[in-house]
Amino acid sequence: MALQWMILAYVVAAEAGVAILLTLPSPKALKSRIVSLISLTVFPGKPWDCRDDRSIGVVLWVPQTIEELIETAKEQLNFTSGSFILSGNGGKIPDTSMISDTEKLYLVGEAQ
């Protein structure tokens, strides 16, 4: 029982440390390494156009830049016109540090 409490204490401390590091404005290098451990699902098209019969998405690790994410998603989805990423509620994602773990995102081709 004591071992379980000790393990739980370490897990809570590690989660608190990551939360603190993610809220700090710097160091950017450490923050970007943590962001790279986050996965997401990207679907082609706009979130408001998607229904139950929507096309299949792709699960990706979050890269360092939004440009890398767009290029990787375009390659994986065979989508030629992707130019930006939208969140599930339709907001444009300008930076990968704004992406939450297991978030559903949408690759959009034309400018809005």
Protein backbone atom coordinates (compact mmCIF):
# COMPACT_ATOMS: atom_id res chain seq x y z
CA MET A 1 0.00 0.00 0.00
CA ALA A 2 2.83 2.39 0.84
CA LEU A 3 4.42 1.66 -2.55
CA GLN A 4 1.16 2.58 -4.33
CA TRP A 5 1.01 5.92 -2.51
CA MET A 6 4.63 6.61 -3.37
CA ILE A 7 4.04 5.87 -7.06
CA LEU A 8 0.90 8.04 -7.03
CA ALA A 9 2.87 10.89 -5.45
CA TYR A 10 5.52 10.68 -8.20
CA VAL A 11 2.88 10.65 -10.94
CA VAL A 12 1.09 13.68 -9.48
CA ALA A 13 4.40 15.53 -9.11
CA ALA A 14 5.35 14.76 -12.72
CA GLU A 15 1.95 15.96 -14.00
CA ALA A 16 2.26 19.15 -11.95
CA GLY A 17 5.75 19.75 -13.32
CA VAL A 18 4.59 19.33 -16.92
CA ALA A 19 1.62 21.65 -16.29
CA ILE A 20 3.93 24.32 -14.88
CA LEU A 21 6.37 23.99 -17.78
CA LEU A 22 3.59 24.29 -20.35
CA THR A 23 2.29 27.51 -18.78
CA LEU A 24 5.68 29.22 -18.67
CA PRO A 25 6.44 31.55 -21.59
CA SER A 26 9.95 30.08 -21.77
CA PRO A 27 12.05 27.98 -22.31
CA LYS A 28 10.62 27.44 -25.78
CA ALA A 29 12.89 24.48 -26.57
CA LEU A 30 11.66 22.46 -23.59
CA LYS A 31 8.07 23.41 -24.31
CA SER A 32 8.36 22.29 -27.93
CA ARG A 33 9.78 18.89 -26.90
CA ILE A 34 6.80 18.28 -24.63
CA VAL A 35 4.39 19.37 -27.37
CA SER A 36 5.93 16.79 -29.71
CA LEU A 37 4.66 13.99 -27.46
CA ILE A 38 1.03 14.94 -28.16
CA SER A 39 -1.03 13.07 -30.75
CA LEU A 40 -4.00 14.34 -32.74
CA THR A 41 -6.39 13.24 -35.47
CA VAL A 42 -6.63 15.24 -38.70
CA PHE A 43 -9.59 14.96 -41.07
CA PRO A 44 -9.87 16.46 -44.55
CA GLY A 45 -12.43 19.24 -44.98
CA LYS A 46 -14.27 21.57 -42.62
CA PRO A 47 -15.73 20.47 -39.26
CA TRP A 48 -19.20 21.75 -40.15
CA ASP A 49 -19.21 19.68 -43.38
CA CYS A 50 -18.38 16.42 -41.58
CA ARG A 51 -21.08 13.93 -40.75
CA ASP A 52 -21.14 10.29 -39.66
CA ASP A 53 -20.20 9.22 -43.20
CA ARG A 54 -17.15 11.52 -43.31
CA SER A 55 -13.86 10.37 -44.74
CA ILE A 56 -11.24 8.66 -42.63
CA GLY A 57 -8.77 10.81 -40.72
CA VAL A 58 -5.17 10.14 -39.75
CA VAL A 59 -3.60 10.07 -36.27
CA LEU A 60 -0.33 12.03 -36.12
CA TRP A 61 2.21 13.17 -33.57
CA VAL A 62 2.32 16.95 -33.27
CA PRO A 63 5.43 18.27 -35.06
CA GLN A 64 7.42 21.38 -34.12
CA THR A 65 5.65 23.75 -36.54
CA ILE A 66 2.18 24.14 -38.01
CA GLU A 67 3.71 24.05 -41.50
CA GLU A 68 5.15 20.58 -40.82
CA LEU A 69 1.74 19.45 -39.55
CA ILE A 70 0.01 20.70 -42.71
CA GLU A 71 2.54 19.02 -44.99
CA THR A 72 2.41 15.70 -43.11
CA ALA A 73 -1.40 15.72 -43.03
CA LYS A 74 -1.53 16.50 -46.78
CA GLU A 75 0.78 13.56 -47.52
CA GLN A 76 -1.06 11.11 -45.26
CA LEU A 77 -4.54 12.11 -46.46
CA ASN A 78 -3.59 12.46 -50.16
CA PHE A 79 -5.01 15.97 -49.93
CA THR A 80 -3.42 18.38 -52.39
CA SER A 81 -4.90 21.73 -51.41
CA GLY A 82 -4.47 21.88 -47.60
CA SER A 83 -3.36 25.30 -46.47
CA PHE A 84 -4.42 25.61 -42.82
CA ILE A 85 -5.76 23.66 -39.82
CA LEU A 86 -9.09 24.24 -38.05
CA SER A 87 -10.12 23.07 -34.59
CA GLY A 88 -13.32 21.09 -34.07
CA ASN A 89 -15.24 24.31 -33.41
CA GLY A 90 -13.92 25.99 -36.57
CA GLY A 91 -11.11 28.11 -35.12
CA LYS A 92 -7.88 28.45 -37.11
CA ILE A 93 -4.86 26.91 -35.34
CA PRO A 94 -1.82 29.21 -35.89
CA ASP A 95 0.70 27.31 -33.72
CA THR A 96 1.25 23.70 -32.64
CA SER A 97 1.58 24.73 -28.99
CA MET A 98 -2.17 25.39 -29.04
CA ILE A 99 -3.04 21.76 -29.82
CA SER A 100 -4.35 19.54 -27.03
CA ASP A 101 -3.66 15.81 -26.77
CA THR A 102 -5.97 13.61 -28.92
CA GLU A 103 -7.63 16.69 -30.42
CA LYS A 104 -9.63 16.36 -33.68
CA LEU A 105 -8.44 18.86 -36.28
CA TYR A 106 -9.42 19.54 -39.89
CA LEU A 107 -7.20 20.25 -42.88
CA VAL A 108 -8.80 22.95 -45.03
CA GLY A 109 -7.74 23.87 -48.55
CA GLU A 110 -9.31 27.15 -49.52
CA ALA A 111 -9.00 30.47 -47.67
CA GLN A 112 -12.07 31.57 -45.71
